[in-house]
Amino acid sequence: MAKALLGHVGISPDLRVVDENRRLRRRVEELETEVGRLRSINEALAARVNVSDDLLQIVPDAEPALA
């Protein structure tokens, strides 16, 4: 019974699982790099846009709703 309870100790990990973990970690690193790149592009684009000016162009002579 003790061997059945402790049999899992000392067994080397399955090489397929080790390879899959390595592949997934590499993919996560690639995706994190891509997210960083896209965030920097998004910040650069957002810095060039002035939302208040865009809204004024859409509705140039709008009156306040509660005036």
C-alpha atoms as a PDB file:
ATOM      1  CA  MET A   1       0.000   0.000   0.000  1.00  0.00           C
ATOM      2  CA  ALA A   2       2.832   2.385   0.831  1.00  0.00           C
ATOM      3  CA  LYS A   3       4.273   1.848  -2.616  1.00  0.00           C
ATOM      4  CA  ALA A   4       0.896   2.704  -4.180  1.00  0.00           C
ATOM      5  CA  LEU A   5       0.693   5.898  -2.119  1.00  0.00           C
ATOM      6  CA  LEU A   6       4.278   6.954  -2.712  1.00  0.00           C
ATOM      7  CA  GLY A   7       4.766   5.474  -6.167  1.00  0.00           C
ATOM      8  CA  HIS A   8       4.473   8.827  -7.870  1.00  0.00           C
ATOM      9  CA  VAL A   9       7.496  10.187  -5.997  1.00  0.00           C
ATOM     10  CA  GLY A  10      10.701   9.853  -7.976  1.00  0.00           C
ATOM     11  CA  ILE A  11       9.074   9.258 -11.332  1.00  0.00           C
ATOM     12  CA  SER A  12      10.601  11.494 -13.964  1.00  0.00           C
ATOM     13  CA  PRO A  13       8.202  13.873 -15.722  1.00  0.00           C
ATOM     14  CA  ASP A  14       6.788  12.890 -19.081  1.00  0.00           C
ATOM     15  CA  LEU A  15       8.989  14.393 -21.807  1.00  0.00           C
ATOM     16  CA  ARG A  16       5.928  15.348 -23.846  1.00  0.00           C
ATOM     17  CA  VAL A  17       4.667  17.477 -20.963  1.00  0.00           C
ATOM     18  CA  VAL A  18       8.080  19.084 -20.539  1.00  0.00           C
ATOM     19  CA  ASP A  19       8.231  19.910 -24.265  1.00  0.00           C
ATOM     20  CA  GLU A  20       4.686  21.269 -24.240  1.00  0.00           C
ATOM     21  CA  ASN A  21       5.479  23.480 -21.226  1.00  0.00           C
ATOM     22  CA  ARG A  22       8.593  24.784 -22.943  1.00  0.00           C
ATOM     23  CA  ARG A  23       6.622  25.520 -26.125  1.00  0.00           C
ATOM     24  CA  LEU A  24       3.845  27.268 -24.196  1.00  0.00           C
ATOM     25  CA  ARG A  25       6.309  29.403 -22.222  1.00  0.00           C
ATOM     26  CA  ARG A  26       7.979  30.463 -25.473  1.00  0.00           C
ATOM     27  CA  ARG A  27       4.585  31.350 -26.976  1.00  0.00           C
ATOM     28  CA  VAL A  28       3.629  33.369 -23.886  1.00  0.00           C
ATOM     29  CA  GLU A  29       6.874  35.342 -24.203  1.00  0.00           C
ATOM     30  CA  GLU A  30       6.128  36.017 -27.878  1.00  0.00           C
ATOM     31  CA  LEU A  31       2.615  37.198 -27.034  1.00  0.00           C
ATOM     32  CA  GLU A  32       3.853  39.427 -24.198  1.00  0.00           C
ATOM     33  CA  THR A  33       6.321  41.031 -26.602  1.00  0.00           C
ATOM     34  CA  GLU A  34       3.542  41.579 -29.135  1.00  0.00           C
ATOM     35  CA  VAL A  35       1.281  43.136 -26.484  1.00  0.00           C
ATOM     36  CA  GLY A  36       4.070  45.526 -25.493  1.00  0.00           C
ATOM     37  CA  ARG A  37       4.643  46.505 -29.106  1.00  0.00           C
ATOM     38  CA  LEU A  38       0.930  47.102 -29.717  1.00  0.00           C
ATOM     39  CA  ARG A  39       0.582  49.120 -26.513  1.00  0.00           C
ATOM     40  CA  SER A  40       3.395  51.425 -27.541  1.00  0.00           C
ATOM     41  CA  ILE A  41       1.830  51.911 -30.972  1.00  0.00           C
ATOM     42  CA  ASN A  42      -1.553  52.575 -29.366  1.00  0.00           C
ATOM     43  CA  GLU A  43      -0.055  55.140 -26.973  1.00  0.00           C
ATOM     44  CA  ALA A  44       1.670  56.905 -29.855  1.00  0.00           C
ATOM     45  CA  LEU A  45      -1.577  57.053 -31.819  1.00  0.00           C
ATOM     46  CA  ALA A  46      -3.583  58.182 -28.797  1.00  0.00           C
ATOM     47  CA  ALA A  47      -1.098  60.993 -28.167  1.00  0.00           C
ATOM     48  CA  ARG A  48      -1.773  62.363 -31.655  1.00  0.00           C
ATOM     49  CA  VAL A  49      -5.570  62.441 -31.236  1.00  0.00           C
ATOM     50  CA  ASN A  50      -7.435  65.187 -29.414  1.00  0.00           C
ATOM     51  CA  VAL A  51     -10.868  63.815 -28.566  1.00  0.00           C
ATOM     52  CA  SER A  52     -12.422  67.155 -27.674  1.00  0.00           C
ATOM     53  CA  ASP A  53     -11.557  68.565 -31.128  1.00  0.00           C
ATOM     54  CA  ASP A  54     -13.045  65.516 -32.816  1.00  0.00           C
ATOM     55  CA  LEU A  55     -16.280  65.861 -30.869  1.00  0.00           C
ATOM     56  CA  LEU A  56     -16.554  69.538 -31.771  1.00  0.00           C
ATOM     57  CA  GLN A  57     -16.239  68.669 -35.452  1.00  0.00           C
ATOM     58  CA  ILE A  58     -19.069  66.151 -35.190  1.00  0.00           C
ATOM     59  CA  VAL A  59     -21.500  68.568 -33.479  1.00  0.00           C
ATOM     60  CA  PRO A  60     -20.142  72.109 -34.040  1.00  0.00           C
ATOM     61  CA  ASP A  61     -23.049  74.247 -32.768  1.00  0.00           C
ATOM     62  CA  ALA A  62     -24.665  71.977 -30.214  1.00  0.00           C
ATOM     63  CA  GLU A  63     -26.546  73.596 -27.367  1.00  0.00           C
ATOM     64  CA  PRO A  64     -26.204  72.259 -23.831  1.00  0.00           C
ATOM     65  CA  ALA A  65     -28.897  69.681 -23.046  1.00  0.00           C
ATOM     66  CA  LEU A  66     -30.015  71.343 -19.804  1.00  0.00           C
ATOM     67  CA  ALA A  67     -29.754  75.007 -20.785  1.00  0.00           C
END
